[in-house]
Amino acid sequence: AGRGGGGGGGGGSGGPPPRRSGGHAPMAVVPEHASYEVREFCARYPIDEEALSYLMNCPPEVHLTVARDFRPKTDGEADYSALVISFSKRCRLLAAQKPGHSLADGLGGDDRADLEAFRNRYPMDDRAFSSLQDLQPHARRQVLDTFVPKRMDDTDYSAPVMAYVKVCRARAAESAAHTALHMSGPGPVSQQTVDDFCGRFPMDARALEMLLAAPPVVQTRVMSEFRPKREGDSDYSAAVVAFLGVCKRSAMGGVGGFGGSGPGPPKRPRHF
């Protein structure tokens, strides 16, 4: 059964993308170069641009797994973004555990032409360019794809590029620690355990997404040790998220010293 959330669906029509009720982010329009599996999947399960970007940046084998195995509780919803991001993340982490597989695999071209095109668009000095080249492939791809400067008319972007390189390098290091945590400890928590926990402690979609995205060892601790001040409330979202943070920080301290949460859906473009 598919877990998590996230989204972008749609087709290749030229009209404006459909909007969610309430005037929130529009559903994504799937690009023509997307694989058949991704296009068919998004036509059935609408998702927003953030979820589509996350799915597209996963290796092709993850596309196939998501398209084949994603099974939400209900069909016909207007937005599956959160569920798709969470389920894609789980599939990607499981794929990374296969021998000889790297999380950087299948993330697209990152060759000299891409780097030179980026430097032509955002002029920088040799030191900044060298720092960009030295990044791990998936972190370098994040810079190339999501860097958004505060000003588009500057003649030297060295400082903002260097700042964003540091951000992406730190995210990559935290992601590595988070992946190591996923690969250790117990296996994934069963769907029945998740359902029982949610039935006892109702929470919103965002809190559930964060819980399902956590490493299995963290999920197990949350579901076995969570003790709210009182039972019978209609919403435990804030309490679950707070306890989840405590458990993550405790667990991450043992695999590299990183605190806070592990890697979530791709961050929105950050202005520098």
Protein backbone atom coordinates (compact mmCIF):
# COMPACT_ATOMS: atom_id res chain seq x y z
CA ALA A 1 0.00 0.00 0.00
CA GLY A 2 1.31 3.45 -0.84
CA ARG A 3 2.25 5.68 2.03
CA GLY A 4 3.10 9.30 2.15
CA GLY A 5 2.09 12.20 0.06
CA GLY A 6 3.19 14.40 -2.65
CA GLY A 7 2.43 15.19 -6.02
CA GLY A 8 2.13 16.25 -9.60
CA GLY A 9 -0.10 14.87 -12.15
CA GLY A 10 -1.53 16.05 -15.34
CA GLY A 11 -0.98 15.69 -18.97
CA GLY A 12 0.80 17.62 -21.65
CA SER A 13 -2.07 19.95 -22.52
CA GLY A 14 -1.31 23.54 -23.34
CA GLY A 15 -3.96 24.99 -21.05
CA PRO A 16 -3.36 26.15 -17.50
CA PRO A 17 -2.85 23.39 -14.95
CA PRO A 18 -5.84 22.52 -12.79
CA ARG A 19 -5.86 24.07 -9.32
CA ARG A 20 -6.63 22.45 -6.03
CA SER A 21 -9.69 23.54 -4.21
CA GLY A 22 -8.99 26.46 -1.92
CA GLY A 23 -6.63 28.19 -4.36
CA HIS A 24 -3.49 26.28 -3.35
CA ALA A 25 -0.65 25.21 -5.61
CA PRO A 26 -1.76 24.00 -9.06
CA MET A 27 -1.34 20.43 -10.13
CA ALA A 28 1.80 19.83 -12.16
CA VAL A 29 1.85 19.49 -15.92
CA VAL A 30 4.03 16.50 -16.77
CA PRO A 31 6.73 17.37 -19.35
CA GLU A 32 6.81 15.58 -22.68
CA HIS A 33 10.22 14.04 -21.96
CA ALA A 34 8.89 12.22 -18.88
CA SER A 35 8.73 8.45 -19.12
CA TYR A 36 5.53 6.67 -20.06
CA GLU A 37 5.26 5.29 -16.53
CA VAL A 38 5.48 8.75 -14.95
CA ARG A 39 2.94 10.26 -17.36
CA GLU A 40 0.45 7.45 -16.83
CA PHE A 41 0.95 7.54 -13.08
CA CYS A 42 0.38 11.31 -12.83
CA ALA A 43 -2.70 11.07 -15.01
CA ARG A 44 -4.20 8.68 -12.45
CA TYR A 45 -2.81 10.31 -9.30
CA PRO A 46 -2.61 14.15 -9.61
CA ILE A 47 0.36 15.74 -7.86
CA ASP A 48 1.83 19.23 -7.56
CA GLU A 49 5.10 20.59 -8.96
CA GLU A 50 7.10 19.79 -5.83
CA ALA A 51 6.04 16.16 -5.82
CA LEU A 52 6.58 15.82 -9.57
CA SER A 53 10.08 17.29 -9.21
CA TYR A 54 10.89 14.79 -6.46
CA LEU A 55 9.59 11.87 -8.50
CA MET A 56 11.40 12.98 -11.67
CA ASN A 57 14.70 13.24 -9.76
CA CYS A 58 14.44 9.63 -8.60
CA PRO A 59 16.22 6.88 -10.57
CA PRO A 60 14.20 5.20 -13.36
CA GLU A 61 13.86 2.01 -11.35
CA VAL A 62 12.08 4.01 -8.64
CA HIS A 63 9.67 5.38 -11.26
CA LEU A 64 8.74 1.81 -12.14
CA THR A 65 8.35 0.76 -8.51
CA VAL A 66 6.18 3.75 -7.65
CA ALA A 67 3.99 3.28 -10.72
CA ARG A 68 3.58 -0.43 -9.97
CA ASP A 69 3.19 -0.47 -6.18
CA PHE A 70 1.64 2.84 -5.14
CA ARG A 71 -1.81 2.03 -3.77
CA PRO A 72 -3.56 4.82 -1.83
CA LYS A 73 -6.47 4.02 0.42
CA THR A 74 -8.86 5.86 -1.91
CA ASP A 75 -8.88 6.59 -5.63
CA GLY A 76 -10.27 9.74 -7.18
CA GLU A 77 -8.67 12.25 -4.80
CA ALA A 78 -7.73 15.70 -6.16
CA ASP A 79 -4.18 15.63 -4.81
CA TYR A 80 -1.83 12.75 -3.93
CA SER A 81 1.30 14.90 -3.56
CA ALA A 82 2.18 14.14 0.05
CA LEU A 83 1.54 10.42 -0.36
CA VAL A 84 3.60 10.19 -3.55
CA ILE A 85 6.60 12.02 -2.07
CA SER A 86 6.63 9.79 1.00
CA PHE A 87 6.19 6.58 -0.98
CA SER A 88 8.80 7.62 -3.57
CA LYS A 89 11.25 8.36 -0.78
CA ARG A 90 10.70 4.94 0.74
CA CYS A 91 11.17 3.22 -2.64
CA ARG A 92 14.34 5.22 -3.30
CA LEU A 93 15.85 4.30 0.05
CA LEU A 94 15.03 0.63 -0.45
CA ALA A 95 16.62 0.77 -3.92
CA ALA A 96 19.74 2.35 -2.44
CA GLN A 97 20.23 -0.69 -0.21
CA LYS A 98 20.79 -2.93 -3.23
CA PRO A 99 24.47 -3.85 -3.77
CA GLY A 100 26.31 -1.51 -6.11
CA HIS A 101 23.52 1.06 -6.15
CA SER A 102 24.05 4.72 -5.41
CA LEU A 103 21.48 7.37 -4.57
CA ALA A 104 23.13 9.51 -7.24
CA ASP A 105 22.30 6.98 -9.95
CA GLY A 106 19.79 8.04 -12.57
CA LEU A 107 19.54 11.67 -11.55
CA GLY A 108 20.30 12.97 -15.02
CA GLY A 109 23.29 14.46 -16.80
CA ASP A 110 25.83 16.36 -14.78
CA ASP A 111 28.61 16.74 -17.32
CA ARG A 112 30.89 19.56 -18.29
CA ALA A 113 28.31 21.08 -20.65
CA ASP A 114 25.81 21.50 -17.79
CA LEU A 115 28.42 23.12 -15.59
CA GLU A 116 29.63 25.48 -18.30
CA ALA A 117 26.07 26.47 -19.17
CA PHE A 118 25.43 27.23 -15.50
CA ARG A 119 28.59 29.34 -15.31
CA ASN A 120 27.65 31.25 -18.44
CA ARG A 121 24.26 32.06 -16.94
CA TYR A 122 25.68 32.92 -13.52
CA PRO A 123 29.26 34.24 -13.93
CA MET A 124 31.52 33.31 -11.02
CA ASP A 125 35.19 33.18 -10.14
CA ASP A 126 37.34 30.05 -10.33
CA ARG A 127 37.09 29.38 -6.59
CA ALA A 128 33.30 29.25 -6.67
CA PHE A 129 33.31 27.12 -9.82
CA SER A 130 35.82 24.70 -8.29
CA SER A 131 33.64 24.35 -5.19
CA LEU A 132 30.69 23.50 -7.41
CA GLN A 133 32.68 20.90 -9.33
CA ASP A 134 33.87 19.27 -6.11
CA LEU A 135 30.35 18.50 -4.89
CA GLN A 136 28.98 14.97 -5.01
CA PRO A 137 26.97 14.44 -8.23
CA HIS A 138 23.51 14.57 -6.64
CA ALA A 139 24.40 17.67 -4.58
CA ARG A 140 25.88 19.35 -7.66
CA ARG A 141 22.71 18.56 -9.59
CA GLN A 142 20.66 20.20 -6.85
CA VAL A 143 22.68 23.40 -7.22
CA LEU A 144 22.32 23.39 -11.00
CA ASP A 145 18.57 22.76 -10.87
CA THR A 146 17.42 24.87 -7.92
CA PHE A 147 19.80 27.83 -7.54
CA VAL A 148 17.80 31.07 -7.65
CA PRO A 149 19.74 34.32 -7.00
CA LYS A 150 18.11 37.37 -5.47
CA ARG A 151 19.12 39.45 -8.48
CA MET A 152 19.21 38.31 -12.09
CA ASP A 153 21.29 41.27 -13.36
CA ASP A 154 24.48 40.75 -11.35
CA THR A 155 27.81 40.35 -13.12
CA ASP A 156 29.37 38.12 -10.44
CA TYR A 157 27.46 35.36 -8.62
CA SER A 158 30.47 33.89 -6.82
CA ALA A 159 29.27 34.66 -3.29
CA PRO A 160 25.68 33.38 -3.66
CA VAL A 161 26.86 30.28 -5.52
CA MET A 162 29.38 29.51 -2.76
CA ALA A 163 26.68 29.98 -0.12
CA TYR A 164 24.29 27.62 -1.89
CA VAL A 165 27.05 25.05 -2.48
CA LYS A 166 27.59 24.96 1.29
CA VAL A 167 23.86 24.44 1.87
CA CYS A 168 23.67 21.57 -0.62
CA ARG A 169 26.85 19.98 0.71
CA ALA A 170 25.40 20.00 4.23
CA ARG A 171 22.13 18.50 2.97
CA ALA A 172 24.08 15.75 1.18
CA ALA A 173 26.01 14.92 4.36
CA GLU A 174 22.81 14.80 6.40
CA SER A 175 21.19 12.67 3.73
CA ALA A 176 24.07 10.20 3.89
CA ALA A 177 23.71 9.93 7.65
CA HIS A 178 19.97 9.55 7.33
CA THR A 179 20.38 6.80 4.72
CA ALA A 180 22.81 4.97 6.99
CA LEU A 181 20.18 5.11 9.71
CA HIS A 182 17.56 3.68 7.34
CA MET A 183 19.88 0.82 6.48
CA SER A 184 20.43 -0.11 10.11
CA GLY A 185 18.05 -1.37 12.74
CA PRO A 186 14.69 -3.07 12.17
CA GLY A 187 12.79 -3.35 8.91
CA PRO A 188 9.89 -1.11 7.88
CA VAL A 189 6.93 -0.87 10.23
CA SER A 190 3.93 -2.82 8.99
CA GLN A 191 0.93 -1.07 7.51
CA GLN A 192 -1.26 -2.58 10.23
CA THR A 193 0.94 -1.02 12.92
CA VAL A 194 0.69 2.36 11.21
CA ASP A 195 -3.09 2.06 10.87
CA ASP A 196 -3.47 1.07 14.53
CA PHE A 197 -1.33 3.99 15.66
CA CYS A 198 -3.24 6.49 13.51
CA GLY A 199 -6.53 5.07 14.73
CA ARG A 200 -5.49 5.64 18.31
CA PHE A 201 -3.79 8.98 17.72
CA PRO A 202 -5.38 10.80 14.73
CA MET A 203 -3.10 13.22 12.88
CA ASP A 204 -3.12 15.31 9.74
CA ALA A 205 -1.54 14.35 6.41
CA ARG A 206 1.64 16.34 7.01
CA ALA A 207 2.33 14.70 10.36
CA LEU A 208 1.70 11.25 8.87
CA GLU A 209 4.01 12.03 5.96
CA MET A 210 6.79 13.01 8.36
CA LEU A 211 6.28 9.86 10.40
CA LEU A 212 6.35 7.58 7.37
CA ALA A 213 9.45 9.33 6.01
CA ALA A 214 11.39 8.65 9.22
CA PRO A 215 13.81 5.70 9.45
CA PRO A 216 12.19 2.45 10.63
CA VAL A 217 14.02 2.57 13.96
CA VAL A 218 12.54 6.02 14.60
CA GLN A 219 9.07 4.95 13.49
CA THR A 220 9.21 1.98 15.84
CA ARG A 221 10.19 4.13 18.80
CA VAL A 222 7.50 6.74 18.09
CA MET A 223 4.74 4.15 17.77
CA SER A 224 5.81 2.21 20.85
CA GLU A 225 6.74 5.08 23.19
CA PHE A 226 4.44 7.97 22.25
CA ARG A 227 2.47 8.96 25.33
CA PRO A 228 0.33 12.10 25.02
CA LYS A 229 -0.84 14.01 28.07
CA ARG A 230 -4.32 12.66 27.48
CA GLU A 231 -6.04 10.27 25.11
CA GLY A 232 -9.29 10.75 23.25
CA ASP A 233 -8.36 14.00 21.46
CA SER A 234 -9.30 14.44 17.81
CA ASP A 235 -5.87 15.58 16.62
CA TYR A 236 -2.41 14.63 17.88
CA SER A 237 -0.47 16.10 14.94
CA ALA A 238 1.59 18.62 16.90
CA ALA A 239 2.39 16.15 19.69
CA VAL A 240 3.42 13.40 17.24
CA VAL A 241 5.63 15.78 15.23
CA ALA A 242 7.30 17.04 18.42
CA PHE A 243 8.02 13.53 19.71
CA LEU A 244 9.17 12.48 16.24
CA GLY A 245 11.75 15.27 16.33
CA VAL A 246 13.03 14.09 19.69
CA CYS A 247 13.38 10.52 18.43
CA LYS A 248 15.11 11.62 15.22
CA ARG A 249 17.65 13.76 17.03
CA SER A 250 18.40 10.91 19.40
CA ALA A 251 18.82 8.40 16.57
CA MET A 252 20.81 10.69 14.27
CA GLY A 253 23.27 11.41 17.04
CA GLY A 254 24.51 7.86 16.67
CA VAL A 255 25.20 7.98 12.92
CA GLY A 256 27.32 11.02 12.30
CA GLY A 257 26.13 13.54 14.84
CA PHE A 258 23.50 15.20 12.69
CA GLY A 259 20.53 16.55 14.57
CA GLY A 260 17.10 17.40 13.32
CA SER A 261 15.09 15.65 10.72
CA GLY A 262 16.40 13.63 7.84
CA PRO A 263 16.08 14.56 4.18
CA GLY A 264 12.55 15.43 3.21
CA PRO A 265 11.03 16.38 -0.12
CA PRO A 266 13.28 18.60 -2.24
CA LYS A 267 13.46 22.09 -0.85
CA ARG A 268 11.85 24.87 -2.79
CA PRO A 269 14.35 27.10 -4.67
CA ARG A 270 16.30 29.15 -2.16
CA HIS A 271 17.19 32.73 -3.01
CA PHE A 272 20.78 33.87 -2.44
